[in-house]
């Protein structure tokens, strides 16, 4: 079942994986993802690690607290999903270069 599996290279592969993961995390800090709600009245921007780095609120919605809350929740949820999708995409790209079974 594990024919072709080179156990002597597993340590080296784990080091490569850790190195790529660290590099990916550093690159994620440079990525900005923005979600809009209410036709652009609310914008929430997060970096690739999920940190909210900016929120823009149109003045016209400041008087409607309930709508403001709903739109903020929507935009935050959307940007969080974008962050997760970005992380998955990066992880798949990172794993694409590794072949744990030594097969070609």
PDB file of N, CA and C in Angstrom:
ATOM      1  N   UNK A   1       0.818  -1.203   0.000  1.00  0.00           N
ATOM      2  CA  UNK A   1       0.000   0.000   0.000  1.00  0.00           C
ATOM      3  C   UNK A   1       0.856   1.258   0.000  1.00  0.00           C
ATOM      4  N   UNK A   2       1.970   1.212   0.729  1.00  0.00           N
ATOM      5  CA  UNK A   2       2.824   2.386   0.822  1.00  0.00           C
ATOM      6  C   UNK A   2       4.121   2.206   0.039  1.00  0.00           C
ATOM      7  N   UNK A   3       4.044   1.449  -1.018  1.00  0.00           N
ATOM      8  CA  UNK A   3       5.222   1.255  -1.853  1.00  0.00           C
ATOM      9  C   UNK A   3       5.654   2.604  -2.425  1.00  0.00           C
ATOM     10  N   UNK A   4       6.930   2.845  -2.432  1.00  0.00           N
ATOM     11  CA  UNK A   4       7.434   4.109  -2.969  1.00  0.00           C
ATOM     12  C   UNK A   4       7.495   5.212  -1.928  1.00  0.00           C
ATOM     13  N   UNK A   5       7.009   4.954  -0.728  1.00  0.00           N
ATOM     14  CA  UNK A   5       7.035   5.943   0.351  1.00  0.00           C
ATOM     15  C   UNK A   5       8.432   5.955   0.961  1.00  0.00           C
ATOM     16  N   UNK A   6       9.106   7.070   0.851  1.00  0.00           N
ATOM     17  CA  UNK A   6      10.468   7.189   1.347  1.00  0.00           C
ATOM     18  C   UNK A   6      10.438   7.861   2.716  1.00  0.00           C
ATOM     19  N   UNK A   7      10.477   7.067   3.775  1.00  0.00           N
ATOM     20  CA  UNK A   7      10.376   7.585   5.142  1.00  0.00           C
ATOM     21  C   UNK A   7      11.556   8.481   5.502  1.00  0.00           C
ATOM     22  N   UNK A   8      12.692   8.273   4.858  1.00  0.00           N
ATOM     23  CA  UNK A   8      13.870   9.084   5.177  1.00  0.00           C
ATOM     24  C   UNK A   8      13.678  10.539   4.757  1.00  0.00           C
ATOM     25  N   UNK A   9      12.749  10.770   3.862  1.00  0.00           N
ATOM     26  CA  UNK A   9      12.511  12.138   3.387  1.00  0.00           C
ATOM     27  C   UNK A   9      11.368  12.830   4.119  1.00  0.00           C
ATOM     28  N   UNK A  10      10.701  12.131   5.020  1.00  0.00           N
ATOM     29  CA  UNK A  10       9.555  12.708   5.719  1.00  0.00           C
ATOM     30  C   UNK A  10       9.956  13.918   6.572  1.00  0.00           C
ATOM     31  N   UNK A  11      11.082  13.830   7.269  1.00  0.00           N
ATOM     32  CA  UNK A  11      11.534  14.951   8.093  1.00  0.00           C
ATOM     33  C   UNK A  11      11.806  16.184   7.256  1.00  0.00           C
ATOM     34  N   UNK A  12      12.445  15.972   6.125  1.00  0.00           N
ATOM     35  CA  UNK A  12      12.744  17.068   5.210  1.00  0.00           C
ATOM     36  C   UNK A  12      11.444  17.679   4.668  1.00  0.00           C
ATOM     37  N   UNK A  13      10.475  16.829   4.351  1.00  0.00           N
ATOM     38  CA  UNK A  13       9.195  17.312   3.848  1.00  0.00           C
ATOM     39  C   UNK A  13       8.456  18.117   4.910  1.00  0.00           C
ATOM     40  N   UNK A  14       8.534  17.678   6.163  1.00  0.00           N
ATOM     41  CA  UNK A  14       7.873  18.411   7.246  1.00  0.00           C
ATOM     42  C   UNK A  14       8.507  19.779   7.433  1.00  0.00           C
ATOM     43  N   UNK A  15       9.824  19.857   7.306  1.00  0.00           N
ATOM     44  CA  UNK A  15      10.509  21.143   7.397  1.00  0.00           C
ATOM     45  C   UNK A  15      10.070  22.058   6.264  1.00  0.00           C
ATOM     46  N   UNK A  16       9.957  21.516   5.064  1.00  0.00           N
ATOM     47  CA  UNK A  16       9.500  22.303   3.919  1.00  0.00           C
ATOM     48  C   UNK A  16       8.072  22.804   4.160  1.00  0.00           C
ATOM     49  N   UNK A  17       7.236  21.929   4.691  1.00  0.00           N
ATOM     50  CA  UNK A  17       5.848  22.283   4.956  1.00  0.00           C
ATOM     51  C   UNK A  17       5.763  23.403   5.984  1.00  0.00           C
ATOM     52  N   UNK A  18       6.543  23.310   7.057  1.00  0.00           N
ATOM     53  CA  UNK A  18       6.549  24.355   8.083  1.00  0.00           C
ATOM     54  C   UNK A  18       7.050  25.673   7.513  1.00  0.00           C
ATOM     55  N   UNK A  19       8.070  25.611   6.704  1.00  0.00           N
ATOM     56  CA  UNK A  19       8.629  26.810   6.087  1.00  0.00           C
ATOM     57  C   UNK A  19       7.607  27.477   5.169  1.00  0.00           C
ATOM     58  N   UNK A  20       6.929  26.664   4.366  1.00  0.00           N
ATOM     59  CA  UNK A  20       5.909  27.205   3.459  1.00  0.00           C
ATOM     60  C   UNK A  20       4.729  27.778   4.238  1.00  0.00           C
ATOM     61  N   UNK A  21       4.358  27.136   5.330  1.00  0.00           N
ATOM     62  CA  UNK A  21       3.248  27.630   6.148  1.00  0.00           C
ATOM     63  C   UNK A  21       3.591  28.988   6.747  1.00  0.00           C
ATOM     64  N   UNK A  22       4.813  29.134   7.211  1.00  0.00           N
ATOM     65  CA  UNK A  22       5.247  30.413   7.781  1.00  0.00           C
ATOM     66  C   UNK A  22       5.259  31.495   6.705  1.00  0.00           C
ATOM     67  N   UNK A  23       5.754  31.156   5.530  1.00  0.00           N
ATOM     68  CA  UNK A  23       5.787  32.084   4.409  1.00  0.00           C
ATOM     69  C   UNK A  23       4.364  32.483   4.006  1.00  0.00           C
ATOM     70  N   UNK A  24       3.472  31.506   3.987  1.00  0.00           N
ATOM     71  CA  UNK A  24       2.083  31.764   3.623  1.00  0.00           C
ATOM     72  C   UNK A  24       1.432  32.722   4.615  1.00  0.00           C
ATOM     73  N   UNK A  25       1.710  32.542   5.896  1.00  0.00           N
ATOM     74  CA  UNK A  25       1.138  33.417   6.922  1.00  0.00           C
ATOM     75  C   UNK A  25       1.640  34.850   6.750  1.00  0.00           C
ATOM     76  N   UNK A  26       2.918  35.012   6.454  1.00  0.00           N
ATOM     77  CA  UNK A  26       3.472  36.352   6.238  1.00  0.00           C
ATOM     78  C   UNK A  26       2.839  37.004   5.012  1.00  0.00           C
ATOM     79  N   UNK A  27       2.651  36.227   3.950  1.00  0.00           N
ATOM     80  CA  UNK A  27       2.025  36.757   2.740  1.00  0.00           C
ATOM     81  C   UNK A  27       0.562  37.110   2.986  1.00  0.00           C
ATOM     82  N   UNK A  28      -0.101  36.355   3.849  1.00  0.00           N
ATOM     83  CA  UNK A  28      -1.511  36.610   4.155  1.00  0.00           C
ATOM     84  C   UNK A  28      -1.711  37.983   4.788  1.00  0.00           C
ATOM     85  N   UNK A  29      -0.726  38.432   5.550  1.00  0.00           N
ATOM     86  CA  UNK A  29      -0.833  39.741   6.185  1.00  0.00           C
ATOM     87  C   UNK A  29      -0.849  40.866   5.163  1.00  0.00           C
ATOM     88  N   UNK A  30      -0.340  40.591   3.965  1.00  0.00           N
ATOM     89  CA  UNK A  30      -0.268  41.602   2.915  1.00  0.00           C
ATOM     90  C   UNK A  30      -1.514  41.636   2.036  1.00  0.00           C
ATOM     91  N   UNK A  31      -2.362  40.632   2.144  1.00  0.00           N
ATOM     92  CA  UNK A  31      -3.574  40.528   1.326  1.00  0.00           C
ATOM     93  C   UNK A  31      -4.702  41.304   1.994  1.00  0.00           C
ATOM     94  N   UNK A  32      -5.395  42.141   1.226  1.00  0.00           N
ATOM     95  CA  UNK A  32      -6.570  42.849   1.737  1.00  0.00           C
ATOM     96  C   UNK A  32      -7.809  42.350   1.007  1.00  0.00           C
ATOM     97  N   UNK A  33      -8.820  41.987   1.765  1.00  0.00           N
ATOM     98  CA  UNK A  33     -10.088  41.507   1.215  1.00  0.00           C
ATOM     99  C   UNK A  33     -11.191  42.434   1.722  1.00  0.00           C
ATOM    100  N   UNK A  34     -12.056  42.891   0.809  1.00  0.00           N
ATOM    101  CA  UNK A  34     -13.107  43.838   1.183  1.00  0.00           C
ATOM    102  C   UNK A  34     -14.473  43.290   0.802  1.00  0.00           C
ATOM    103  N   UNK A  35     -15.401  43.363   1.757  1.00  0.00           N
ATOM    104  CA  UNK A  35     -16.789  42.979   1.508  1.00  0.00           C
ATOM    105  C   UNK A  35     -17.654  44.218   1.674  1.00  0.00           C
ATOM    106  N   UNK A  36     -18.668  44.323   0.831  1.00  0.00           N
ATOM    107  CA  UNK A  36     -19.591  45.455   0.882  1.00  0.00           C
ATOM    108  C   UNK A  36     -20.991  44.952   1.191  1.00  0.00           C
ATOM    109  N   UNK A  37     -21.765  45.803   1.850  1.00  0.00           N
ATOM    110  CA  UNK A  37     -23.170  45.482   2.138  1.00  0.00           C
ATOM    111  C   UNK A  37     -23.998  46.746   1.939  1.00  0.00           C
ATOM    112  N   UNK A  38     -25.272  46.553   1.687  1.00  0.00           N
ATOM    113  CA  UNK A  38     -26.170  47.700   1.519  1.00  0.00           C
ATOM    114  C   UNK A  38     -25.820  48.553   0.318  1.00  0.00           C
ATOM    115  N   UNK A  39     -25.443  47.894  -0.762  1.00  0.00           N
ATOM    116  CA  UNK A  39     -25.100  48.643  -1.963  1.00  0.00           C
ATOM    117  C   UNK A  39     -23.863  49.507  -1.783  1.00  0.00           C
ATOM    118  N   UNK A  40     -22.977  49.103  -0.912  1.00  0.00           N
ATOM    119  CA  UNK A  40     -21.734  49.836  -0.699  1.00  0.00           C
ATOM    120  C   UNK A  40     -21.793  50.822   0.457  1.00  0.00           C
ATOM    121  N   UNK A  41     -22.930  50.867   1.171  1.00  0.00           N
ATOM    122  CA  UNK A  41     -23.022  51.781   2.315  1.00  0.00           C
ATOM    123  C   UNK A  41     -22.095  51.353   3.448  1.00  0.00           C
ATOM    124  N   UNK A  42     -21.798  50.073   3.504  1.00  0.00           N
ATOM    125  CA  UNK A  42     -20.880  49.522   4.507  1.00  0.00           C
ATOM    126  C   UNK A  42     -19.790  48.759   3.767  1.00  0.00           C
ATOM    127  N   UNK A  43     -18.537  49.010   4.135  1.00  0.00           N
ATOM    128  CA  UNK A  43     -17.415  48.247   3.607  1.00  0.00           C
ATOM    129  C   UNK A  43     -16.557  47.792   4.777  1.00  0.00           C
ATOM    130  N   UNK A  44     -16.218  46.498   4.782  1.00  0.00           N
ATOM    131  CA  UNK A  44     -15.353  45.946   5.817  1.00  0.00           C
ATOM    132  C   UNK A  44     -14.158  45.310   5.118  1.00  0.00           C
ATOM    133  N   UNK A  45     -12.969  45.698   5.544  1.00  0.00           N
ATOM    134  CA  UNK A  45     -11.744  45.174   4.955  1.00  0.00           C
ATOM    135  C   UNK A  45     -10.967  44.403   6.019  1.00  0.00           C
ATOM    136  N   UNK A  46     -10.521  43.215   5.630  1.00  0.00           N
ATOM    137  CA  UNK A  46      -9.704  42.379   6.515  1.00  0.00           C
ATOM    138  C   UNK A  46      -8.448  41.982   5.761  1.00  0.00           C
ATOM    139  N   UNK A  47      -7.392  41.677   6.514  1.00  0.00           N
ATOM    140  CA  UNK A  47      -6.213  41.124   5.855  1.00  0.00           C
ATOM    141  C   UNK A  47      -6.382  39.617   5.749  1.00  0.00           C
ATOM    142  N   UNK A  48      -5.434  38.961   5.125  1.00  0.00           N
ATOM    143  CA  UNK A  48      -5.539  37.524   4.872  1.00  0.00           C
ATOM    144  C   UNK A  48      -5.521  36.662   6.116  1.00  0.00           C
ATOM    145  N   UNK A  49      -5.128  37.235   7.260  1.00  0.00           N
ATOM    146  CA  UNK A  49      -5.153  36.463   8.500  1.00  0.00           C
ATOM    147  C   UNK A  49      -6.470  36.616   9.247  1.00  0.00           C
ATOM    148  N   UNK A  50      -7.367  37.463   8.728  1.00  0.00           N
ATOM    149  CA  UNK A  50      -8.679  37.625   9.331  1.00  0.00           C
ATOM    150  C   UNK A  50      -8.817  38.839  10.229  1.00  0.00           C
ATOM    151  N   UNK A  51      -7.775  39.636  10.343  1.00  0.00           N
ATOM    152  CA  UNK A  51      -7.829  40.860  11.140  1.00  0.00           C
ATOM    153  C   UNK A  51      -8.624  41.925  10.393  1.00  0.00           C
ATOM    154  N   UNK A  52      -9.643  42.491  11.033  1.00  0.00           N
ATOM    155  CA  UNK A  52     -10.382  43.597  10.433  1.00  0.00           C
ATOM    156  C   UNK A  52      -9.457  44.813  10.488  1.00  0.00           C
ATOM    157  N   UNK A  53      -9.186  45.405   9.322  1.00  0.00           N
ATOM    158  CA  UNK A  53      -8.261  46.528   9.293  1.00  0.00           C
ATOM    159  C   UNK A  53      -8.931  47.845   8.914  1.00  0.00           C
ATOM    160  N   UNK A  54     -10.185  47.790   8.426  1.00  0.00           N
ATOM    161  CA  UNK A  54     -10.888  49.026   8.090  1.00  0.00           C
ATOM    162  C   UNK A  54     -12.386  48.769   7.981  1.00  0.00           C
ATOM    163  N   UNK A  55     -13.148  49.748   8.420  1.00  0.00           N
ATOM    164  CA  UNK A  55     -14.605  49.738   8.253  1.00  0.00           C
ATOM    165  C   UNK A  55     -15.008  51.120   7.762  1.00  0.00           C
ATOM    166  N   UNK A  56     -15.767  51.154   6.671  1.00  0.00           N
ATOM    167  CA  UNK A  56     -16.269  52.414   6.134  1.00  0.00           C
ATOM    168  C   UNK A  56     -17.790  52.379   6.206  1.00  0.00           C
ATOM    169  N   UNK A  57     -18.371  53.440   6.782  1.00  0.00           N
ATOM    170  CA  UNK A  57     -19.822  53.523   6.943  1.00  0.00           C
ATOM    171  C   UNK A  57     -20.292  54.816   6.294  1.00  0.00           C
ATOM    172  N   UNK A  58     -21.236  54.697   5.373  1.00  0.00           N
ATOM    173  CA  UNK A  58     -21.814  55.871   4.725  1.00  0.00           C
ATOM    174  C   UNK A  58     -22.635  56.656   5.744  1.00  0.00           C
ATOM    175  N   UNK A  59     -22.508  57.963   5.727  1.00  0.00           N
ATOM    176  CA  UNK A  59     -23.220  58.828   6.678  1.00  0.00           C
ATOM    177  C   UNK A  59     -24.736  58.639   6.637  1.00  0.00           C
ATOM    178  N   UNK A  60     -25.267  58.279   5.461  1.00  0.00           N
ATOM    179  CA  UNK A  60     -26.720  58.190   5.316  1.00  0.00           C
ATOM    180  C   UNK A  60     -27.345  57.086   6.164  1.00  0.00           C
ATOM    181  N   UNK A  61     -26.558  56.142   6.631  1.00  0.00           N
ATOM    182  CA  UNK A  61     -27.121  55.029   7.402  1.00  0.00           C
ATOM    183  C   UNK A  61     -26.912  55.200   8.904  1.00  0.00           C
ATOM    184  N   UNK A  62     -26.240  56.232   9.318  1.00  0.00           N
ATOM    185  CA  UNK A  62     -25.928  56.419  10.735  1.00  0.00           C
ATOM    186  C   UNK A  62     -27.168  56.615  11.604  1.00  0.00           C
ATOM    187  N   UNK A  63     -28.252  57.096  11.034  1.00  0.00           N
ATOM    188  CA  UNK A  63     -29.476  57.339  11.805  1.00  0.00           C
ATOM    189  C   UNK A  63     -30.340  56.100  11.967  1.00  0.00           C
ATOM    190  N   UNK A  64     -30.018  55.027  11.262  1.00  0.00           N
ATOM    191  CA  UNK A  64     -30.815  53.799  11.305  1.00  0.00           C
ATOM    192  C   UNK A  64     -29.983  52.690  11.942  1.00  0.00           C
ATOM    193  N   UNK A  65     -30.004  52.660  13.269  1.00  0.00           N
ATOM    194  CA  UNK A  65     -29.148  51.745  14.027  1.00  0.00           C
ATOM    195  C   UNK A  65     -29.381  50.282  13.647  1.00  0.00           C
ATOM    196  N   UNK A  66     -30.636  49.875  13.530  1.00  0.00           N
ATOM    197  CA  UNK A  66     -30.950  48.476  13.232  1.00  0.00           C
ATOM    198  C   UNK A  66     -30.395  48.059  11.871  1.00  0.00           C
ATOM    199  N   UNK A  67     -30.591  48.886  10.861  1.00  0.00           N
ATOM    200  CA  UNK A  67     -30.059  48.582   9.528  1.00  0.00           C
ATOM    201  C   UNK A  67     -28.540  48.571   9.544  1.00  0.00           C
ATOM    202  N   UNK A  68     -27.955  49.507  10.265  1.00  0.00           N
ATOM    203  CA  UNK A  68     -26.502  49.572  10.381  1.00  0.00           C
ATOM    204  C   UNK A  68     -25.954  48.273  10.974  1.00  0.00           C
ATOM    205  N   UNK A  69     -26.592  47.793  12.033  1.00  0.00           N
ATOM    206  CA  UNK A  69     -26.151  46.555  12.663  1.00  0.00           C
ATOM    207  C   UNK A  69     -26.260  45.369  11.712  1.00  0.00           C
ATOM    208  N   UNK A  70     -27.368  45.274  11.007  1.00  0.00           N
ATOM    209  CA  UNK A  70     -27.591  44.165  10.072  1.00  0.00           C
ATOM    210  C   UNK A  70     -26.548  44.188   8.950  1.00  0.00           C
ATOM    211  N   UNK A  71     -26.307  45.378   8.407  1.00  0.00           N
ATOM    212  CA  UNK A  71     -25.345  45.491   7.312  1.00  0.00           C
ATOM    213  C   UNK A  71     -23.913  45.221   7.781  1.00  0.00           C
ATOM    214  N   UNK A  72     -23.584  45.660   8.983  1.00  0.00           N
ATOM    215  CA  UNK A  72     -22.254  45.372   9.526  1.00  0.00           C
ATOM    216  C   UNK A  72     -22.048  43.869   9.709  1.00  0.00           C
ATOM    217  N   UNK A  73     -23.044  43.210  10.274  1.00  0.00           N
ATOM    218  CA  UNK A  73     -22.963  41.757  10.465  1.00  0.00           C
ATOM    219  C   UNK A  73     -22.794  41.062   9.120  1.00  0.00           C
ATOM    220  N   UNK A  74     -23.571  41.487   8.137  1.00  0.00           N
ATOM    221  CA  UNK A  74     -23.492  40.878   6.813  1.00  0.00           C
ATOM    222  C   UNK A  74     -22.111  41.062   6.194  1.00  0.00           C
ATOM    223  N   UNK A  75     -21.589  42.274   6.248  1.00  0.00           N
ATOM    224  CA  UNK A  75     -20.276  42.552   5.651  1.00  0.00           C
ATOM    225  C   UNK A  75     -19.162  41.806   6.385  1.00  0.00           C
ATOM    226  N   UNK A  76     -19.245  41.746   7.707  1.00  0.00           N
ATOM    227  CA  UNK A  76     -18.225  41.035   8.485  1.00  0.00           C
ATOM    228  C   UNK A  76     -18.265  39.540   8.169  1.00  0.00           C
ATOM    229  N   UNK A  77     -19.463  38.970   8.100  1.00  0.00           N
ATOM    230  CA  UNK A  77     -19.579  37.552   7.742  1.00  0.00           C
ATOM    231  C   UNK A  77     -19.033  37.284   6.345  1.00  0.00           C
ATOM    232  N   UNK A  78     -19.326  38.181   5.411  1.00  0.00           N
ATOM    233  CA  UNK A  78     -18.841  38.010   4.039  1.00  0.00           C
ATOM    234  C   UNK A  78     -17.317  38.082   3.971  1.00  0.00           C
ATOM    235  N   UNK A  79     -16.729  39.054   4.667  1.00  0.00           N
ATOM    236  CA  UNK A  79     -15.273  39.177   4.610  1.00  0.00           C
ATOM    237  C   UNK A  79     -14.606  37.999   5.320  1.00  0.00           C
ATOM    238  N   UNK A  80     -15.228  37.482   6.382  1.00  0.00           N
ATOM    239  CA  UNK A  80     -14.682  36.290   7.053  1.00  0.00           C
ATOM    240  C   UNK A  80     -14.686  35.085   6.121  1.00  0.00           C
ATOM    241  N   UNK A  81     -15.735  34.932   5.339  1.00  0.00           N
ATOM    242  CA  UNK A  81     -15.804  33.838   4.364  1.00  0.00           C
ATOM    243  C   UNK A  81     -14.728  34.010   3.300  1.00  0.00           C
ATOM    244  N   UNK A  82     -14.522  35.254   2.866  1.00  0.00           N
ATOM    245  CA  UNK A  82     -13.480  35.523   1.878  1.00  0.00           C
ATOM    246  C   UNK A  82     -12.099  35.145   2.431  1.00  0.00           C
ATOM    247  N   UNK A  83     -11.866  35.459   3.693  1.00  0.00           N
ATOM    248  CA  UNK A  83     -10.593  35.123   4.338  1.00  0.00           C
ATOM    249  C   UNK A  83     -10.406  33.610   4.368  1.00  0.00           C
ATOM    250  N   UNK A  84     -11.444  32.876   4.770  1.00  0.00           N
ATOM    251  CA  UNK A  84     -11.351  31.415   4.831  1.00  0.00           C
ATOM    252  C   UNK A  84     -11.113  30.812   3.451  1.00  0.00           C
ATOM    253  N   UNK A  85     -11.828  31.324   2.447  1.00  0.00           N
ATOM    254  CA  UNK A  85     -11.637  30.829   1.086  1.00  0.00           C
ATOM    255  C   UNK A  85     -10.212  31.099   0.605  1.00  0.00           C
ATOM    256  N   UNK A  86      -9.687  32.272   0.954  1.00  0.00           N
ATOM    257  CA  UNK A  86      -8.319  32.622   0.574  1.00  0.00           C
ATOM    258  C   UNK A  86      -7.320  31.681   1.250  1.00  0.00           C
ATOM    259  N   UNK A  87      -7.546  31.385   2.526  1.00  0.00           N
ATOM    260  CA  UNK A  87      -6.655  30.467   3.245  1.00  0.00           C
ATOM    261  C   UNK A  87      -6.683  29.079   2.617  1.00  0.00           C
ATOM    262  N   UNK A  88      -7.868  28.602   2.265  1.00  0.00           N
ATOM    263  CA  UNK A  88      -7.986  27.279   1.638  1.00  0.00           C
ATOM    264  C   UNK A  88      -7.261  27.254   0.295  1.00  0.00           C
ATOM    265  N   UNK A  89      -7.431  28.320  -0.465  1.00  0.00           N
ATOM    266  CA  UNK A  89      -6.785  28.406  -1.770  1.00  0.00           C
ATOM    267  C   UNK A  89      -5.272  28.390  -1.629  1.00  0.00           C
ATOM    268  N   UNK A  90      -4.751  29.143  -0.669  1.00  0.00           N
ATOM    269  CA  UNK A  90      -3.311  29.165  -0.440  1.00  0.00           C
ATOM    270  C   UNK A  90      -2.810  27.800   0.031  1.00  0.00           C
ATOM    271  N   UNK A  91      -3.564  27.152   0.896  1.00  0.00           N
ATOM    272  CA  UNK A  91      -3.161  25.840   1.406  1.00  0.00           C
ATOM    273  C   UNK A  91      -3.126  24.814   0.280  1.00  0.00           C
ATOM    274  N   UNK A  92      -4.103  24.865  -0.596  1.00  0.00           N
ATOM    275  CA  UNK A  92      -4.120  23.929  -1.723  1.00  0.00           C
ATOM    276  C   UNK A  92      -2.926  24.185  -2.634  1.00  0.00           C
ATOM    277  N   UNK A  93      -2.588  25.456  -2.849  1.00  0.00           N
ATOM    278  CA  UNK A  93      -1.430  25.793  -3.661  1.00  0.00           C
ATOM    279  C   UNK A  93      -0.147  25.311  -3.020  1.00  0.00           C
ATOM    280  N   UNK A  94      -0.069  25.449  -1.705  1.00  0.00           N
ATOM    281  CA  UNK A  94       1.115  25.023  -0.970  1.00  0.00           C
ATOM    282  C   UNK A  94       1.267  23.507  -1.039  1.00  0.00           C
ATOM    283  N   UNK A  95       0.184  22.784  -0.880  1.00  0.00           N
ATOM    284  CA  UNK A  95       0.237  21.324  -0.893  1.00  0.00           C
ATOM    285  C   UNK A  95       0.501  20.779  -2.297  1.00  0.00           C
ATOM    286  N   UNK A  96       0.165  21.565  -3.305  1.00  0.00           N
ATOM    287  CA  UNK A  96       0.365  21.114  -4.681  1.00  0.00           C
ATOM    288  C   UNK A  96       1.815  20.819  -5.016  1.00  0.00           C
ATOM    289  N   UNK A  97       2.729  21.511  -4.346  1.00  0.00           N
ATOM    290  CA  UNK A  97       4.145  21.306  -4.624  1.00  0.00           C
ATOM    291  C   UNK A  97       4.777  20.170  -3.845  1.00  0.00           C
ATOM    292  N   UNK A  98       4.038  19.578  -2.924  1.00  0.00           N
ATOM    293  CA  UNK A  98       4.595  18.505  -2.100  1.00  0.00           C
ATOM    294  C   UNK A  98       4.012  17.166  -2.527  1.00  0.00           C
ATOM    295  N   UNK A  99       4.858  16.162  -2.583  1.00  0.00           N
ATOM    296  CA  UNK A  99       4.414  14.817  -2.953  1.00  0.00           C
ATOM    297  C   UNK A  99       4.949  13.844  -1.897  1.00  0.00           C
ATOM    298  N   UNK A 100       4.142  13.535  -0.870  1.00  0.00           N
ATOM    299  CA  UNK A 100       4.627  12.717   0.225  1.00  0.00           C
ATOM    300  C   UNK A 100       4.954  11.273  -0.143  1.00  0.00           C
ATOM    301  N   UNK A 101       4.529  10.831  -1.305  1.00  0.00           N
ATOM    302  CA  UNK A 101       4.743   9.428  -1.665  1.00  0.00           C
ATOM    303  C   UNK A 101       5.899   9.242  -2.634  1.00  0.00           C
ATOM    304  N   UNK A 102       6.546  10.335  -3.001  1.00  0.00           N
ATOM    305  CA  UNK A 102       7.718  10.247  -3.869  1.00  0.00           C
ATOM    306  C   UNK A 102       7.416   9.765  -5.268  1.00  0.00           C
ATOM    307  N   UNK A 103       6.136   9.760  -5.647  1.00  0.00           N
ATOM    308  CA  UNK A 103       5.751   9.299  -6.978  1.00  0.00           C
ATOM    309  C   UNK A 103       5.752  10.476  -7.951  1.00  0.00           C
ATOM    310  N   UNK A 104       5.902  10.141  -9.199  1.00  0.00           N
ATOM    311  CA  UNK A 104       5.910  11.191 -10.220  1.00  0.00           C
ATOM    312  C   UNK A 104       4.732  11.058 -11.125  1.00  0.00           C
TER     313      UNK A 104
END
